[in-house]
Amino acid sequence: MITGLYKEVQFDASHRLLHYKGKCANLHGHRWKAEVWMEGEPDEKTGILIDYNTIKEIVCRFDHQIILNEADPMIACINKYQQVIVTPGEPTSELLAVLIKNDLQEYCRAQNLSAKVVKVRIWESPNCYAEVAGSTLPSRACG
């Protein structure tokens, strides 16, 4: 029987948009919220589709981190003092949604789980989010 699940995880992280013309080009932080929807066949023995703590661990690799575009010259300076998460492009909410979706899906493949990521939504403020669903491109909403 196909089962669906939902997990919400909040994390704090800083980023900047290197190629953005505006205040988001400055290093700044957010209280991000990730929402994850998954579905599949639960394990026959445990009855679990995927451990909620696994979802939290995958999302929380970003917690209390600085996230920068791989082309950002700030990486060399900050790396002297702390680890930087480097992304293949601008560290937008759209890209974080894709990265988290891909990380979760890779975990499920590696663990031979039937779970599939249905949707990942990343909130970077209380009224703005980006989401990626299935194999679609990310979408954005602000209210």
N, C-alpha and C. Protein backbone atom coordinates (compact mmCIF):
# COMPACT_ATOMS: atom_id res chain seq x y z
N MET A 1 0.85 -1.18 0.00
CA MET A 1 0.00 0.00 0.00
C MET A 1 0.89 1.25 0.00
N ILE A 2 0.63 2.15 -0.90
CA ILE A 2 1.39 3.41 -0.98
C ILE A 2 0.97 4.31 0.18
N THR A 3 1.97 4.82 0.88
CA THR A 3 1.76 5.70 2.02
C THR A 3 2.46 7.02 1.76
N GLY A 4 1.87 8.11 2.23
CA GLY A 4 2.51 9.42 2.12
C GLY A 4 2.89 9.92 3.49
N LEU A 5 3.92 10.76 3.54
CA LEU A 5 4.29 11.40 4.80
C LEU A 5 4.74 12.83 4.55
N TYR A 6 4.75 13.59 5.63
CA TYR A 6 5.13 15.00 5.60
C TYR A 6 6.03 15.26 6.80
N LYS A 7 7.09 16.04 6.58
CA LYS A 7 7.98 16.45 7.67
C LYS A 7 8.36 17.91 7.46
N GLU A 8 8.30 18.67 8.56
CA GLU A 8 8.71 20.07 8.56
C GLU A 8 9.97 20.20 9.42
N VAL A 9 10.96 20.91 8.90
CA VAL A 9 12.22 21.12 9.61
C VAL A 9 12.61 22.59 9.46
N GLN A 10 12.98 23.22 10.58
CA GLN A 10 13.46 24.60 10.53
C GLN A 10 14.96 24.63 10.79
N PHE A 11 15.63 25.57 10.14
CA PHE A 11 17.06 25.73 10.34
C PHE A 11 17.44 27.19 10.11
N ASP A 12 18.55 27.59 10.71
CA ASP A 12 19.07 28.95 10.55
C ASP A 12 20.33 28.88 9.71
N ALA A 13 20.43 29.75 8.70
CA ALA A 13 21.61 29.77 7.84
C ALA A 13 21.73 31.13 7.18
N SER A 14 22.95 31.44 6.78
CA SER A 14 23.24 32.69 6.06
C SER A 14 23.59 32.37 4.62
N HIS A 15 23.32 33.32 3.76
CA HIS A 15 23.72 33.21 2.36
C HIS A 15 23.81 34.60 1.77
N ARG A 16 24.29 34.66 0.56
CA ARG A 16 24.21 35.89 -0.22
C ARG A 16 24.10 35.49 -1.67
N LEU A 17 23.53 36.38 -2.47
CA LEU A 17 23.35 36.12 -3.89
C LEU A 17 24.37 36.96 -4.65
N LEU A 18 25.42 36.31 -5.09
CA LEU A 18 26.57 36.96 -5.71
C LEU A 18 26.20 37.82 -6.90
N HIS A 19 25.30 37.36 -7.73
CA HIS A 19 24.97 38.05 -8.98
C HIS A 19 23.67 38.85 -8.90
N TYR A 20 23.17 39.07 -7.72
CA TYR A 20 21.92 39.80 -7.52
C TYR A 20 22.23 41.28 -7.31
N LYS A 21 21.48 42.13 -7.95
CA LYS A 21 21.64 43.58 -7.78
C LYS A 21 20.62 44.06 -6.76
N GLY A 22 21.02 44.10 -5.52
CA GLY A 22 20.13 44.51 -4.44
C GLY A 22 20.69 44.07 -3.11
N LYS A 23 19.90 44.26 -2.05
CA LYS A 23 20.41 44.00 -0.71
C LYS A 23 20.71 42.53 -0.45
N CYS A 24 20.15 41.62 -1.22
CA CYS A 24 20.45 40.19 -1.02
C CYS A 24 21.83 39.80 -1.53
N ALA A 25 22.55 40.76 -2.13
CA ALA A 25 23.95 40.52 -2.49
C ALA A 25 24.83 40.58 -1.25
N ASN A 26 24.30 41.13 -0.16
CA ASN A 26 25.02 41.17 1.12
C ASN A 26 24.78 39.87 1.88
N LEU A 27 25.78 39.45 2.64
CA LEU A 27 25.62 38.27 3.49
C LEU A 27 24.53 38.55 4.52
N HIS A 28 23.55 37.66 4.61
CA HIS A 28 22.43 37.83 5.53
C HIS A 28 21.87 36.46 5.90
N GLY A 29 21.11 36.42 6.96
CA GLY A 29 20.59 35.15 7.44
C GLY A 29 19.08 35.06 7.40
N HIS A 30 18.60 33.84 7.49
CA HIS A 30 17.17 33.54 7.52
C HIS A 30 16.91 32.45 8.55
N ARG A 31 15.68 32.41 9.01
CA ARG A 31 15.14 31.25 9.72
C ARG A 31 14.37 30.51 8.63
N TRP A 32 15.03 29.54 8.00
CA TRP A 32 14.46 28.79 6.89
C TRP A 32 13.51 27.71 7.43
N LYS A 33 12.55 27.34 6.60
CA LYS A 33 11.69 26.21 6.93
C LYS A 33 11.63 25.31 5.70
N ALA A 34 11.92 24.03 5.90
CA ALA A 34 11.80 23.05 4.82
C ALA A 34 10.58 22.18 5.10
N GLU A 35 9.77 21.99 4.08
CA GLU A 35 8.64 21.06 4.14
C GLU A 35 8.91 19.97 3.11
N VAL A 36 8.78 18.73 3.54
CA VAL A 36 9.09 17.60 2.67
C VAL A 36 7.88 16.67 2.63
N TRP A 37 7.47 16.31 1.42
CA TRP A 37 6.42 15.32 1.20
C TRP A 37 7.04 14.13 0.49
N MET A 38 6.78 12.92 1.01
CA MET A 38 7.31 11.70 0.41
C MET A 38 6.20 10.66 0.33
N GLU A 39 6.40 9.67 -0.55
CA GLU A 39 5.44 8.57 -0.64
C GLU A 39 6.16 7.30 -1.09
N GLY A 40 5.54 6.18 -0.81
CA GLY A 40 6.08 4.89 -1.22
C GLY A 40 5.52 3.78 -0.36
N GLU A 41 6.11 2.60 -0.50
CA GLU A 41 5.71 1.42 0.26
C GLU A 41 6.52 1.36 1.55
N PRO A 42 5.87 1.38 2.71
CA PRO A 42 6.61 1.23 3.97
C PRO A 42 7.33 -0.12 4.04
N ASP A 43 8.42 -0.16 4.79
CA ASP A 43 9.17 -1.39 5.01
C ASP A 43 8.25 -2.44 5.64
N GLU A 44 8.34 -3.68 5.16
CA GLU A 44 7.45 -4.74 5.67
C GLU A 44 7.67 -5.03 7.15
N LYS A 45 8.93 -4.97 7.61
CA LYS A 45 9.22 -5.29 9.01
C LYS A 45 8.92 -4.13 9.95
N THR A 46 9.36 -2.93 9.58
CA THR A 46 9.23 -1.78 10.49
C THR A 46 7.94 -1.01 10.30
N GLY A 47 7.35 -1.11 9.12
CA GLY A 47 6.16 -0.31 8.82
C GLY A 47 6.49 1.14 8.54
N ILE A 48 7.79 1.47 8.40
CA ILE A 48 8.24 2.86 8.22
C ILE A 48 8.62 3.09 6.76
N LEU A 49 8.17 4.20 6.21
CA LEU A 49 8.54 4.60 4.85
C LEU A 49 9.98 5.13 4.85
N ILE A 50 10.25 6.12 5.69
CA ILE A 50 11.59 6.66 5.94
C ILE A 50 11.55 7.28 7.33
N ASP A 51 12.61 7.16 8.07
CA ASP A 51 12.67 7.70 9.42
C ASP A 51 12.59 9.23 9.36
N TYR A 52 11.70 9.83 10.12
CA TYR A 52 11.59 11.29 10.16
C TYR A 52 12.91 11.94 10.55
N ASN A 53 13.68 11.28 11.42
CA ASN A 53 14.97 11.83 11.83
C ASN A 53 15.96 11.88 10.68
N THR A 54 15.85 10.96 9.74
CA THR A 54 16.71 10.99 8.56
C THR A 54 16.43 12.23 7.73
N ILE A 55 15.17 12.56 7.56
CA ILE A 55 14.80 13.77 6.82
C ILE A 55 15.39 14.98 7.52
N LYS A 56 15.23 15.03 8.84
CA LYS A 56 15.76 16.15 9.62
C LYS A 56 17.28 16.26 9.46
N GLU A 57 17.99 15.15 9.54
CA GLU A 57 19.46 15.17 9.40
C GLU A 57 19.89 15.68 8.04
N ILE A 58 19.21 15.27 6.99
CA ILE A 58 19.57 15.71 5.64
C ILE A 58 19.33 17.20 5.48
N VAL A 59 18.20 17.70 5.97
CA VAL A 59 17.91 19.13 5.88
C VAL A 59 18.86 19.93 6.76
N CYS A 60 19.15 19.43 7.94
CA CYS A 60 19.92 20.21 8.92
C CYS A 60 21.42 20.26 8.64
N ARG A 61 21.86 19.69 7.53
CA ARG A 61 23.26 19.92 7.16
C ARG A 61 23.49 21.40 6.86
N PHE A 62 22.40 22.13 6.59
CA PHE A 62 22.49 23.57 6.35
C PHE A 62 22.40 24.40 7.62
N ASP A 63 22.03 23.79 8.74
CA ASP A 63 21.78 24.54 9.97
C ASP A 63 23.04 25.24 10.48
N HIS A 64 22.91 26.53 10.77
CA HIS A 64 23.99 27.37 11.27
C HIS A 64 25.22 27.35 10.36
N GLN A 65 24.96 27.35 9.06
CA GLN A 65 26.02 27.37 8.06
C GLN A 65 25.92 28.63 7.22
N ILE A 66 27.02 28.92 6.54
CA ILE A 66 27.05 29.96 5.52
C ILE A 66 27.02 29.23 4.18
N ILE A 67 26.10 29.62 3.32
CA ILE A 67 25.89 28.94 2.04
C ILE A 67 26.22 29.94 0.93
N LEU A 68 27.20 29.59 0.09
CA LEU A 68 27.66 30.52 -0.95
C LEU A 68 27.78 29.83 -2.30
N ASN A 69 27.59 30.61 -3.34
CA ASN A 69 27.80 30.20 -4.72
C ASN A 69 29.26 29.79 -4.88
N GLU A 70 29.51 28.71 -5.62
CA GLU A 70 30.88 28.22 -5.80
C GLU A 70 31.81 29.26 -6.43
N ALA A 71 31.26 30.27 -7.09
CA ALA A 71 32.07 31.32 -7.71
C ALA A 71 32.32 32.51 -6.78
N ASP A 72 31.80 32.46 -5.56
CA ASP A 72 31.88 33.60 -4.65
C ASP A 72 33.30 33.74 -4.08
N PRO A 73 33.94 34.91 -4.27
CA PRO A 73 35.29 35.11 -3.74
C PRO A 73 35.33 35.15 -2.21
N MET A 74 34.18 35.29 -1.56
CA MET A 74 34.11 35.32 -0.10
C MET A 74 34.45 33.96 0.52
N ILE A 75 34.35 32.90 -0.25
CA ILE A 75 34.58 31.54 0.26
C ILE A 75 35.97 31.41 0.88
N ALA A 76 36.99 31.88 0.17
CA ALA A 76 38.37 31.73 0.64
C ALA A 76 38.57 32.41 2.00
N CYS A 77 37.99 33.57 2.17
CA CYS A 77 38.13 34.30 3.44
C CYS A 77 37.40 33.59 4.57
N ILE A 78 36.15 33.24 4.35
CA ILE A 78 35.35 32.63 5.41
C ILE A 78 35.87 31.24 5.78
N ASN A 79 36.38 30.51 4.79
CA ASN A 79 36.90 29.16 5.06
C ASN A 79 38.08 29.16 6.03
N LYS A 80 38.71 30.30 6.22
CA LYS A 80 39.79 30.40 7.21
C LYS A 80 39.25 30.26 8.62
N TYR A 81 37.97 30.57 8.81
CA TYR A 81 37.38 30.62 10.15
C TYR A 81 36.29 29.58 10.38
N GLN A 82 35.61 29.18 9.34
CA GLN A 82 34.57 28.17 9.48
C GLN A 82 34.27 27.56 8.13
N GLN A 83 33.59 26.42 8.18
CA GLN A 83 33.20 25.71 6.96
C GLN A 83 32.13 26.51 6.22
N VAL A 84 32.20 26.45 4.90
CA VAL A 84 31.20 27.07 4.04
C VAL A 84 30.56 25.96 3.21
N ILE A 85 29.24 25.98 3.08
CA ILE A 85 28.58 25.08 2.14
C ILE A 85 28.58 25.79 0.79
N VAL A 86 29.15 25.13 -0.19
CA VAL A 86 29.31 25.71 -1.53
C VAL A 86 28.27 25.08 -2.45
N THR A 87 27.57 25.92 -3.20
CA THR A 87 26.51 25.43 -4.09
C THR A 87 26.88 25.68 -5.56
N PRO A 88 26.36 24.85 -6.45
CA PRO A 88 26.62 25.02 -7.88
C PRO A 88 25.68 26.08 -8.47
N GLY A 89 25.91 27.32 -8.11
CA GLY A 89 25.04 28.42 -8.51
C GLY A 89 24.59 29.20 -7.29
N GLU A 90 23.71 30.15 -7.52
CA GLU A 90 23.25 31.01 -6.44
C GLU A 90 22.49 30.20 -5.38
N PRO A 91 22.79 30.40 -4.10
CA PRO A 91 22.12 29.65 -3.03
C PRO A 91 20.74 30.22 -2.71
N THR A 92 19.86 30.13 -3.67
CA THR A 92 18.49 30.61 -3.54
C THR A 92 17.63 29.56 -2.85
N SER A 93 16.44 29.95 -2.47
CA SER A 93 15.51 28.97 -1.91
C SER A 93 15.16 27.92 -2.96
N GLU A 94 15.11 28.33 -4.24
CA GLU A 94 14.85 27.37 -5.31
C GLU A 94 15.93 26.29 -5.35
N LEU A 95 17.20 26.73 -5.29
CA LEU A 95 18.30 25.76 -5.35
C LEU A 95 18.33 24.88 -4.11
N LEU A 96 18.09 25.45 -2.93
CA LEU A 96 18.08 24.62 -1.72
C LEU A 96 17.00 23.54 -1.80
N ALA A 97 15.85 23.88 -2.36
CA ALA A 97 14.78 22.88 -2.53
C ALA A 97 15.26 21.73 -3.41
N VAL A 98 15.94 22.05 -4.50
CA VAL A 98 16.46 21.03 -5.41
C VAL A 98 17.53 20.18 -4.72
N LEU A 99 18.46 20.83 -4.00
CA LEU A 99 19.54 20.10 -3.33
C LEU A 99 18.99 19.14 -2.27
N ILE A 100 18.03 19.61 -1.49
CA ILE A 100 17.45 18.75 -0.45
C ILE A 100 16.69 17.59 -1.09
N LYS A 101 15.93 17.88 -2.13
CA LYS A 101 15.21 16.81 -2.84
C LYS A 101 16.19 15.76 -3.36
N ASN A 102 17.26 16.22 -4.00
CA ASN A 102 18.24 15.29 -4.56
C ASN A 102 18.94 14.47 -3.47
N ASP A 103 19.30 15.13 -2.36
CA ASP A 103 19.95 14.42 -1.24
C ASP A 103 19.04 13.35 -0.65
N LEU A 104 17.76 13.69 -0.47
CA LEU A 104 16.80 12.72 0.06
C LEU A 104 16.61 11.54 -0.89
N GLN A 105 16.48 11.85 -2.18
CA GLN A 105 16.26 10.79 -3.15
C GLN A 105 17.48 9.88 -3.24
N GLU A 106 18.69 10.46 -3.17
CA GLU A 106 19.91 9.66 -3.20
C GLU A 106 20.00 8.77 -1.97
N TYR A 107 19.64 9.29 -0.81
CA TYR A 107 19.63 8.49 0.42
C TYR A 107 18.70 7.28 0.25
N CYS A 108 17.51 7.53 -0.27
CA CYS A 108 16.53 6.44 -0.45
C CYS A 108 17.06 5.38 -1.41
N ARG A 109 17.70 5.81 -2.49
CA ARG A 109 18.29 4.85 -3.44
C ARG A 109 19.39 4.03 -2.75
N ALA A 110 20.28 4.72 -2.03
CA ALA A 110 21.40 4.04 -1.37
C ALA A 110 20.94 3.05 -0.31
N GLN A 111 19.82 3.36 0.36
CA GLN A 111 19.29 2.48 1.41
C GLN A 111 18.27 1.49 0.88
N ASN A 112 18.05 1.51 -0.44
CA ASN A 112 17.10 0.61 -1.09
C ASN A 112 15.69 0.79 -0.54
N LEU A 113 15.31 2.04 -0.27
CA LEU A 113 13.96 2.35 0.20
C LEU A 113 13.07 2.65 -0.99
N SER A 114 11.80 2.35 -0.87
CA SER A 114 10.86 2.66 -1.96
C SER A 114 10.42 4.12 -1.94
N ALA A 115 10.76 4.83 -0.88
CA ALA A 115 10.30 6.22 -0.71
C ALA A 115 10.76 7.11 -1.86
N LYS A 116 9.86 7.93 -2.33
CA LYS A 116 10.14 8.92 -3.38
C LYS A 116 9.77 10.30 -2.84
N VAL A 117 10.56 11.28 -3.20
CA VAL A 117 10.26 12.65 -2.81
C VAL A 117 9.18 13.18 -3.74
N VAL A 118 8.06 13.56 -3.17
CA VAL A 118 6.96 14.12 -3.94
C VAL A 118 7.17 15.62 -4.14
N LYS A 119 7.55 16.29 -3.04
CA LYS A 119 7.70 17.75 -3.11
C LYS A 119 8.58 18.22 -1.96
N VAL A 120 9.38 19.26 -2.22
CA VAL A 120 10.13 19.96 -1.18
C VAL A 120 9.81 21.44 -1.33
N ARG A 121 9.42 22.05 -0.24
CA ARG A 121 9.13 23.50 -0.21
C ARG A 121 10.08 24.14 0.79
N ILE A 122 10.75 25.21 0.37
CA ILE A 122 11.69 25.93 1.22
C ILE A 122 11.18 27.36 1.41
N TRP A 123 10.91 27.68 2.68
CA TRP A 123 10.49 29.03 3.06
C TRP A 123 11.73 29.79 3.52
N GLU A 124 11.98 30.97 2.93
CA GLU A 124 13.09 31.79 3.43
C GLU A 124 12.58 32.98 4.22
N SER A 125 11.28 33.13 4.25
CA SER A 125 10.63 34.10 5.12
C SER A 125 9.22 33.59 5.38
N PRO A 126 8.48 34.21 6.31
CA PRO A 126 7.13 33.71 6.60
C PRO A 126 6.16 33.80 5.43
N ASN A 127 6.51 34.59 4.40
CA ASN A 127 5.56 34.75 3.30
C ASN A 127 6.15 34.49 1.92
N CYS A 128 7.34 33.87 1.83
CA CYS A 128 7.95 33.55 0.54
C CYS A 128 8.54 32.15 0.57
N TYR A 129 8.21 31.37 -0.45
CA TYR A 129 8.78 30.02 -0.54
C TYR A 129 9.05 29.66 -1.99
N ALA A 130 9.89 28.65 -2.17
CA ALA A 130 10.11 28.02 -3.46
C ALA A 130 9.89 26.53 -3.26
N GLU A 131 9.41 25.86 -4.29
CA GLU A 131 9.20 24.42 -4.16
C GLU A 131 9.58 23.71 -5.44
N VAL A 132 9.95 22.48 -5.27
CA VAL A 132 10.23 21.59 -6.39
C VAL A 132 9.41 20.33 -6.15
N ALA A 133 8.75 19.87 -7.20
CA ALA A 133 7.91 18.68 -7.09
C ALA A 133 8.28 17.70 -8.20
N GLY A 134 8.42 16.44 -7.84
CA GLY A 134 8.77 15.43 -8.83
C GLY A 134 10.02 15.83 -9.58
N SER A 135 9.96 15.80 -10.88
CA SER A 135 11.11 16.20 -11.69
C SER A 135 10.90 17.58 -12.31
N THR A 136 9.96 18.34 -11.76
CA THR A 136 9.68 19.66 -12.31
C THR A 136 10.69 20.69 -11.84
N LEU A 137 10.73 21.80 -12.53
CA LEU A 137 11.58 22.91 -12.12
C LEU A 137 10.97 23.58 -10.90
N PRO A 138 11.80 24.25 -10.10
CA PRO A 138 11.27 24.91 -8.91
C PRO A 138 10.30 26.04 -9.28
N SER A 139 9.33 26.27 -8.41
CA SER A 139 8.43 27.41 -8.56
C SER A 139 8.60 28.29 -7.34
N ARG A 140 8.10 29.52 -7.42
CA ARG A 140 8.31 30.51 -6.36
C ARG A 140 6.97 31.18 -6.06
N ALA A 141 6.76 31.50 -4.78
CA ALA A 141 5.55 32.24 -4.39
C ALA A 141 5.89 33.18 -3.26
N CYS A 142 5.33 34.37 -3.31
CA CYS A 142 5.45 35.35 -2.22
C CYS A 142 4.08 35.94 -1.99
N GLY A 143 3.78 36.17 -0.73
CA GLY A 143 2.46 36.74 -0.43
C GLY A 143 2.56 37.90 0.49
